[in-house]
Amino acid sequence: KIKKALFYPAAVLVVAMIVTAILLIFVIPQ
């Protein structure tokens, strides 16, 4: 139960960091 509660926010934050890094490295220079 505790792992389930922590997994979702952790997964979303990781995805947010990856998306932000992609935007900063590849999109914004264009």
PDB file of all heavy atoms in Angstrom:
ATOM      1  N   LYS A   1       0.826  -1.204   0.000  1.00  0.00           N
ATOM      2  CA  LYS A   1       0.000   0.000   0.000  1.00  0.00           C
ATOM      3  C   LYS A   1       0.861   1.254   0.000  1.00  0.00           C
ATOM      4  O   LYS A   1       0.609   2.203  -0.756  1.00  0.00           O
ATOM      5  CB  LYS A   1      -0.916   0.001   1.235  1.00  0.00           C
ATOM      6  CG  LYS A   1      -2.224  -0.737   1.047  1.00  0.00           C
ATOM      7  CD  LYS A   1      -3.182   0.085   0.195  1.00  0.00           C
ATOM      8  CE  LYS A   1      -4.520  -0.601   0.015  1.00  0.00           C
ATOM      9  NZ  LYS A   1      -5.426   0.204  -0.836  1.00  0.00           N
ATOM     10  N   ILE A   2       1.889   1.265   0.855  1.00  0.00           N
ATOM     11  CA  ILE A   2       2.762   2.440   0.952  1.00  0.00           C
ATOM     12  C   ILE A   2       3.565   2.618  -0.337  1.00  0.00           C
ATOM     13  O   ILE A   2       3.712   3.738  -0.852  1.00  0.00           O
ATOM     14  CB  ILE A   2       3.688   2.317   2.173  1.00  0.00           C
ATOM     15  CG1 ILE A   2       2.849   2.370   3.459  1.00  0.00           C
ATOM     16  CG2 ILE A   2       4.738   3.425   2.185  1.00  0.00           C
ATOM     17  CD1 ILE A   2       3.639   2.148   4.721  1.00  0.00           C
ATOM     18  N   LYS A   3       4.091   1.512  -0.889  1.00  0.00           N
ATOM     19  CA  LYS A   3       4.837   1.603  -2.152  1.00  0.00           C
ATOM     20  C   LYS A   3       3.950   2.103  -3.286  1.00  0.00           C
ATOM     21  O   LYS A   3       4.380   2.891  -4.125  1.00  0.00           O
ATOM     22  CB  LYS A   3       5.420   0.235  -2.510  1.00  0.00           C
ATOM     23  CG  LYS A   3       6.617  -0.169  -1.664  1.00  0.00           C
ATOM     24  CD  LYS A   3       7.139  -1.540  -2.052  1.00  0.00           C
ATOM     25  CE  LYS A   3       8.324  -1.936  -1.193  1.00  0.00           C
ATOM     26  NZ  LYS A   3       8.818  -3.297  -1.521  1.00  0.00           N
ATOM     27  N   LYS A   4       2.700   1.626  -3.286  1.00  0.00           N
ATOM     28  CA  LYS A   4       1.759   2.063  -4.316  1.00  0.00           C
ATOM     29  C   LYS A   4       1.511   3.560  -4.219  1.00  0.00           C
ATOM     30  O   LYS A   4       1.444   4.264  -5.232  1.00  0.00           O
ATOM     31  CB  LYS A   4       0.453   1.295  -4.150  1.00  0.00           C
ATOM     32  CG  LYS A   4      -0.644   1.715  -5.121  1.00  0.00           C
ATOM     33  CD  LYS A   4      -1.953   1.004  -4.805  1.00  0.00           C
ATOM     34  CE  LYS A   4      -3.092   1.546  -5.662  1.00  0.00           C
ATOM     35  NZ  LYS A   4      -4.390   0.948  -5.290  1.00  0.00           N
ATOM     36  N   ALA A   5       1.400   4.057  -2.976  1.00  0.00           N
ATOM     37  CA  ALA A   5       1.145   5.481  -2.776  1.00  0.00           C
ATOM     38  C   ALA A   5       2.324   6.334  -3.236  1.00  0.00           C
ATOM     39  O   ALA A   5       2.137   7.442  -3.746  1.00  0.00           O
ATOM     40  CB  ALA A   5       0.853   5.759  -1.304  1.00  0.00           C
ATOM     41  N   LEU A   6       3.542   5.821  -3.054  1.00  0.00           N
ATOM     42  CA  LEU A   6       4.736   6.601  -3.397  1.00  0.00           C
ATOM     43  C   LEU A   6       5.148   6.441  -4.854  1.00  0.00           C
ATOM     44  O   LEU A   6       5.818   7.318  -5.404  1.00  0.00           O
ATOM     45  CB  LEU A   6       5.904   6.179  -2.491  1.00  0.00           C
ATOM     46  CG  LEU A   6       5.735   6.452  -0.993  1.00  0.00           C
ATOM     47  CD1 LEU A   6       6.927   5.898  -0.225  1.00  0.00           C
ATOM     48  CD2 LEU A   6       5.579   7.934  -0.728  1.00  0.00           C
ATOM     49  N   PHE A   7       4.753   5.330  -5.491  1.00  0.00           N
ATOM     50  CA  PHE A   7       5.219   5.058  -6.845  1.00  0.00           C
ATOM     51  C   PHE A   7       4.674   6.068  -7.850  1.00  0.00           C
ATOM     52  O   PHE A   7       5.420   6.581  -8.692  1.00  0.00           O
ATOM     53  CB  PHE A   7       4.811   3.647  -7.266  1.00  0.00           C
ATOM     54  CG  PHE A   7       5.162   3.318  -8.691  1.00  0.00           C
ATOM     55  CD1 PHE A   7       6.464   3.006  -9.039  1.00  0.00           C
ATOM     56  CD2 PHE A   7       4.201   3.348  -9.696  1.00  0.00           C
ATOM     57  CE1 PHE A   7       6.803   2.722 -10.355  1.00  0.00           C
ATOM     58  CE2 PHE A   7       4.522   3.071 -11.008  1.00  0.00           C
ATOM     59  CZ  PHE A   7       5.833   2.757 -11.337  1.00  0.00           C
ATOM     60  N   TYR A   8       3.381   6.338  -7.776  1.00  0.00           N
ATOM     61  CA  TYR A   8       2.757   7.212  -8.785  1.00  0.00           C
ATOM     62  C   TYR A   8       3.381   8.605  -8.806  1.00  0.00           C
ATOM     63  O   TYR A   8       3.811   9.082  -9.865  1.00  0.00           O
ATOM     64  CB  TYR A   8       1.249   7.287  -8.565  1.00  0.00           C
ATOM     65  CG  TYR A   8       0.551   8.219  -9.515  1.00  0.00           C
ATOM     66  CD1 TYR A   8       0.379   7.876 -10.850  1.00  0.00           C
ATOM     67  CD2 TYR A   8       0.101   9.468  -9.096  1.00  0.00           C
ATOM     68  CE1 TYR A   8      -0.242   8.743 -11.737  1.00  0.00           C
ATOM     69  CE2 TYR A   8      -0.529  10.337  -9.972  1.00  0.00           C
ATOM     70  CZ  TYR A   8      -0.694   9.968 -11.283  1.00  0.00           C
ATOM     71  OH  TYR A   8      -1.303  10.829 -12.154  1.00  0.00           O
ATOM     72  N   PRO A   9       3.457   9.306  -7.647  1.00  0.00           N
ATOM     73  CA  PRO A   9       4.082  10.637  -7.704  1.00  0.00           C
ATOM     74  C   PRO A   9       5.538  10.593  -8.127  1.00  0.00           C
ATOM     75  O   PRO A   9       6.000  11.477  -8.863  1.00  0.00           O
ATOM     76  CB  PRO A   9       3.938  11.157  -6.265  1.00  0.00           C
ATOM     77  CG  PRO A   9       3.621   9.976  -5.433  1.00  0.00           C
ATOM     78  CD  PRO A   9       2.922   9.021  -6.309  1.00  0.00           C
ATOM     79  N   ALA A  10       6.276   9.557  -7.691  1.00  0.00           N
ATOM     80  CA  ALA A  10       7.684   9.448  -8.080  1.00  0.00           C
ATOM     81  C   ALA A  10       7.808   9.259  -9.588  1.00  0.00           C
ATOM     82  O   ALA A  10       8.653   9.893 -10.242  1.00  0.00           O
ATOM     83  CB  ALA A  10       8.344   8.286  -7.345  1.00  0.00           C
ATOM     84  N   ALA A  11       6.944   8.402 -10.157  1.00  0.00           N
ATOM     85  CA  ALA A  11       6.990   8.153 -11.603  1.00  0.00           C
ATOM     86  C   ALA A  11       6.653   9.416 -12.388  1.00  0.00           C
ATOM     87  O   ALA A  11       7.314   9.740 -13.388  1.00  0.00           O
ATOM     88  CB  ALA A  11       6.014   7.027 -11.963  1.00  0.00           C
ATOM     89  N   VAL A  12       5.638  10.146 -11.946  1.00  0.00           N
ATOM     90  CA  VAL A  12       5.240  11.374 -12.655  1.00  0.00           C
ATOM     91  C   VAL A  12       6.347  12.422 -12.583  1.00  0.00           C
ATOM     92  O   VAL A  12       6.638  13.107 -13.578  1.00  0.00           O
ATOM     93  CB  VAL A  12       3.918  11.927 -12.072  1.00  0.00           C
ATOM     94  CG1 VAL A  12       3.594  13.294 -12.677  1.00  0.00           C
ATOM     95  CG2 VAL A  12       2.770  10.967 -12.352  1.00  0.00           C
ATOM     96  N   LEU A  13       6.983  12.563 -11.425  1.00  0.00           N
ATOM     97  CA  LEU A  13       8.060  13.545 -11.285  1.00  0.00           C
ATOM     98  C   LEU A  13       9.264  13.181 -12.154  1.00  0.00           C
ATOM     99  O   LEU A  13       9.909  14.065 -12.733  1.00  0.00           O
ATOM    100  CB  LEU A  13       8.478  13.650  -9.818  1.00  0.00           C
ATOM    101  CG  LEU A  13       7.470  14.333  -8.886  1.00  0.00           C
ATOM    102  CD1 LEU A  13       7.944  14.289  -7.444  1.00  0.00           C
ATOM    103  CD2 LEU A  13       7.231  15.782  -9.318  1.00  0.00           C
ATOM    104  N   VAL A  14       9.566  11.892 -12.254  1.00  0.00           N
ATOM    105  CA  VAL A  14      10.665  11.453 -13.125  1.00  0.00           C
ATOM    106  C   VAL A  14      10.351  11.782 -14.576  1.00  0.00           C
ATOM    107  O   VAL A  14      11.209  12.294 -15.319  1.00  0.00           O
ATOM    108  CB  VAL A  14      10.929   9.943 -12.945  1.00  0.00           C
ATOM    109  CG1 VAL A  14      11.852   9.422 -14.046  1.00  0.00           C
ATOM    110  CG2 VAL A  14      11.544   9.664 -11.587  1.00  0.00           C
ATOM    111  N   VAL A  15       9.114  11.502 -14.984  1.00  0.00           N
ATOM    112  CA  VAL A  15       8.699  11.818 -16.358  1.00  0.00           C
ATOM    113  C   VAL A  15       8.779  13.324 -16.591  1.00  0.00           C
ATOM    114  O   VAL A  15       9.240  13.784 -17.654  1.00  0.00           O
ATOM    115  CB  VAL A  15       7.270  11.302 -16.618  1.00  0.00           C
ATOM    116  CG1 VAL A  15       6.740  11.841 -17.943  1.00  0.00           C
ATOM    117  CG2 VAL A  15       7.247   9.781 -16.631  1.00  0.00           C
ATOM    118  N   ALA A  16       8.359  14.119 -15.601  1.00  0.00           N
ATOM    119  CA  ALA A  16       8.421  15.579 -15.730  1.00  0.00           C
ATOM    120  C   ALA A  16       9.859  16.053 -15.907  1.00  0.00           C
ATOM    121  O   ALA A  16      10.138  16.946 -16.728  1.00  0.00           O
ATOM    122  CB  ALA A  16       7.797  16.235 -14.499  1.00  0.00           C
ATOM    123  N   MET A  17      10.781  15.467 -15.158  1.00  0.00           N
ATOM    124  CA  MET A  17      12.197  15.848 -15.278  1.00  0.00           C
ATOM    125  C   MET A  17      12.752  15.472 -16.647  1.00  0.00           C
ATOM    126  O   MET A  17      13.506  16.251 -17.254  1.00  0.00           O
ATOM    127  CB  MET A  17      13.006  15.164 -14.176  1.00  0.00           C
ATOM    128  CG  MET A  17      12.714  15.689 -12.775  1.00  0.00           C
ATOM    129  SD  MET A  17      13.525  14.733 -11.470  1.00  0.00           S
ATOM    130  CE  MET A  17      15.243  15.007 -11.860  1.00  0.00           C
ATOM    131  N   ILE A  18      12.363  14.294 -17.155  1.00  0.00           N
ATOM    132  CA  ILE A  18      12.843  13.866 -18.475  1.00  0.00           C
ATOM    133  C   ILE A  18      12.307  14.788 -19.571  1.00  0.00           C
ATOM    134  O   ILE A  18      13.053  15.225 -20.465  1.00  0.00           O
ATOM    135  CB  ILE A  18      12.431  12.404 -18.741  1.00  0.00           C
ATOM    136  CG1 ILE A  18      13.180  11.464 -17.779  1.00  0.00           C
ATOM    137  CG2 ILE A  18      12.716  12.014 -20.196  1.00  0.00           C
ATOM    138  CD1 ILE A  18      12.718  10.021 -17.843  1.00  0.00           C
ATOM    139  N   VAL A  19      11.011  15.105 -19.492  1.00  0.00           N
ATOM    140  CA  VAL A  19      10.396  15.992 -20.497  1.00  0.00           C
ATOM    141  C   VAL A  19      11.048  17.372 -20.448  1.00  0.00           C
ATOM    142  O   VAL A  19      11.357  17.978 -21.492  1.00  0.00           O
ATOM    143  CB  VAL A  19       8.873  16.089 -20.257  1.00  0.00           C
ATOM    144  CG1 VAL A  19       8.267  17.194 -21.121  1.00  0.00           C
ATOM    145  CG2 VAL A  19       8.202  14.758 -20.560  1.00  0.00           C
ATOM    146  N   THR A  20      11.270  17.885 -19.228  1.00  0.00           N
ATOM    147  CA  THR A  20      11.911  19.197 -19.077  1.00  0.00           C
ATOM    148  C   THR A  20      13.316  19.188 -19.666  1.00  0.00           C
ATOM    149  O   THR A  20      13.721  20.132 -20.363  1.00  0.00           O
ATOM    150  CB  THR A  20      11.967  19.588 -17.588  1.00  0.00           C
ATOM    151  OG1 THR A  20      10.644  19.579 -17.046  1.00  0.00           O
ATOM    152  CG2 THR A  20      12.576  20.961 -17.408  1.00  0.00           C
ATOM    153  N   ALA A  21      14.078  18.109 -19.409  1.00  0.00           N
ATOM    154  CA  ALA A  21      15.439  18.012 -19.954  1.00  0.00           C
ATOM    155  C   ALA A  21      15.424  17.976 -21.479  1.00  0.00           C
ATOM    156  O   ALA A  21      16.257  18.628 -22.128  1.00  0.00           O
ATOM    157  CB  ALA A  21      16.124  16.761 -19.400  1.00  0.00           C
ATOM    158  N   ILE A  22      14.472  17.241 -22.054  1.00  0.00           N
ATOM    159  CA  ILE A  22      14.375  17.169 -23.527  1.00  0.00           C
ATOM    160  C   ILE A  22      14.070  18.547 -24.104  1.00  0.00           C
ATOM    161  O   ILE A  22      14.666  18.974 -25.113  1.00  0.00           O
ATOM    162  CB  ILE A  22      13.294  16.145 -23.934  1.00  0.00           C
ATOM    163  CG1 ILE A  22      13.766  14.724 -23.598  1.00  0.00           C
ATOM    164  CG2 ILE A  22      12.966  16.256 -25.424  1.00  0.00           C
ATOM    165  CD1 ILE A  22      12.716  13.659 -23.801  1.00  0.00           C
ATOM    166  N   LEU A  23      13.145  19.264 -23.468  1.00  0.00           N
ATOM    167  CA  LEU A  23      12.808  20.606 -23.945  1.00  0.00           C
ATOM    168  C   LEU A  23      14.006  21.542 -23.858  1.00  0.00           C
ATOM    169  O   LEU A  23      14.284  22.317 -24.792  1.00  0.00           O
ATOM    170  CB  LEU A  23      11.642  21.172 -23.130  1.00  0.00           C
ATOM    171  CG  LEU A  23      10.265  20.533 -23.361  1.00  0.00           C
ATOM    172  CD1 LEU A  23       9.244  21.095 -22.377  1.00  0.00           C
ATOM    173  CD2 LEU A  23       9.785  20.769 -24.788  1.00  0.00           C
ATOM    174  N   LEU A  24      14.734  21.484 -22.741  1.00  0.00           N
ATOM    175  CA  LEU A  24      15.877  22.379 -22.546  1.00  0.00           C
ATOM    176  C   LEU A  24      17.023  22.057 -23.497  1.00  0.00           C
ATOM    177  O   LEU A  24      17.713  22.976 -23.983  1.00  0.00           O
ATOM    178  CB  LEU A  24      16.376  22.290 -21.101  1.00  0.00           C
ATOM    179  CG  LEU A  24      15.474  22.901 -20.021  1.00  0.00           C
ATOM    180  CD1 LEU A  24      16.001  22.565 -18.632  1.00  0.00           C
ATOM    181  CD2 LEU A  24      15.372  24.419 -20.192  1.00  0.00           C
ATOM    182  N   ILE A  25      17.247  20.782 -23.794  1.00  0.00           N
ATOM    183  CA  ILE A  25      18.414  20.395 -24.598  1.00  0.00           C
ATOM    184  C   ILE A  25      18.135  20.448 -26.102  1.00  0.00           C
ATOM    185  O   ILE A  25      18.996  20.873 -26.885  1.00  0.00           O
ATOM    186  CB  ILE A  25      18.874  18.975 -24.192  1.00  0.00           C
ATOM    187  CG1 ILE A  25      19.370  18.984 -22.736  1.00  0.00           C
ATOM    188  CG2 ILE A  25      19.974  18.471 -25.117  1.00  0.00           C
ATOM    189  CD1 ILE A  25      19.652  17.610 -22.165  1.00  0.00           C
ATOM    190  N   PHE A  26      16.930  20.064 -26.532  1.00  0.00           N
ATOM    191  CA  PHE A  26      16.672  19.917 -27.966  1.00  0.00           C
ATOM    192  C   PHE A  26      15.699  20.960 -28.543  1.00  0.00           C
ATOM    193  O   PHE A  26      15.882  21.392 -29.687  1.00  0.00           O
ATOM    194  CB  PHE A  26      16.119  18.511 -28.250  1.00  0.00           C
ATOM    195  CG  PHE A  26      17.060  17.409 -27.878  1.00  0.00           C
ATOM    196  CD1 PHE A  26      16.828  16.630 -26.761  1.00  0.00           C
ATOM    197  CD2 PHE A  26      18.196  17.161 -28.636  1.00  0.00           C
ATOM    198  CE1 PHE A  26      17.691  15.607 -26.407  1.00  0.00           C
ATOM    199  CE2 PHE A  26      19.072  16.140 -28.293  1.00  0.00           C
ATOM    200  CZ  PHE A  26      18.824  15.366 -27.168  1.00  0.00           C
ATOM    201  N   VAL A  27      14.695  21.348 -27.797  1.00  0.00           N
ATOM    202  CA  VAL A  27      13.643  22.213 -28.357  1.00  0.00           C
ATOM    203  C   VAL A  27      14.002  23.689 -28.226  1.00  0.00           C
ATOM    204  O   VAL A  27      13.920  24.450 -29.200  1.00  0.00           O
ATOM    205  CB  VAL A  27      12.289  21.918 -27.666  1.00  0.00           C
ATOM    206  CG1 VAL A  27      11.209  22.866 -28.205  1.00  0.00           C
ATOM    207  CG2 VAL A  27      11.890  20.466 -27.878  1.00  0.00           C
ATOM    208  N   ILE A  28      14.392  24.108 -27.029  1.00  0.00           N
ATOM    209  CA  ILE A  28      14.642  25.534 -26.792  1.00  0.00           C
ATOM    210  C   ILE A  28      15.781  26.083 -27.658  1.00  0.00           C
ATOM    211  O   ILE A  28      15.695  27.229 -28.132  1.00  0.00           O
ATOM    212  CB  ILE A  28      14.893  25.782 -25.285  1.00  0.00           C
ATOM    213  CG1 ILE A  28      13.567  25.578 -24.536  1.00  0.00           C
ATOM    214  CG2 ILE A  28      15.457  27.176 -25.018  1.00  0.00           C
ATOM    215  CD1 ILE A  28      13.659  25.682 -23.045  1.00  0.00           C
ATOM    216  N   PRO A  29      16.875  25.319 -27.936  1.00  0.00           N
ATOM    217  CA  PRO A  29      17.904  25.844 -28.852  1.00  0.00           C
ATOM    218  C   PRO A  29      17.352  26.208 -30.230  1.00  0.00           C
ATOM    219  O   PRO A  29      17.848  27.146 -30.872  1.00  0.00           O
ATOM    220  CB  PRO A  29      18.908  24.692 -28.939  1.00  0.00           C
ATOM    221  CG  PRO A  29      18.775  23.977 -27.635  1.00  0.00           C
ATOM    222  CD  PRO A  29      17.324  24.065 -27.303  1.00  0.00           C
ATOM    223  N   GLN A  30      16.341  25.477 -30.710  1.00  0.00           N
ATOM    224  CA  GLN A  30      15.737  25.818 -32.004  1.00  0.00           C
ATOM    225  C   GLN A  30      15.053  27.173 -31.943  1.00  0.00           C
ATOM    226  O   GLN A  30      15.155  27.986 -32.870  1.00  0.00           O
ATOM    227  CB  GLN A  30      14.725  24.730 -32.397  1.00  0.00           C
ATOM    228  CG  GLN A  30      15.296  23.322 -32.461  1.00  0.00           C
ATOM    229  CD  GLN A  30      16.432  23.217 -33.461  1.00  0.00           C
ATOM    230  OE1 GLN A  30      16.391  23.794 -34.548  1.00  0.00           O
ATOM    231  NE2 GLN A  30      17.481  22.475 -33.079  1.00  0.00           N
TER     232      GLN A  30
END
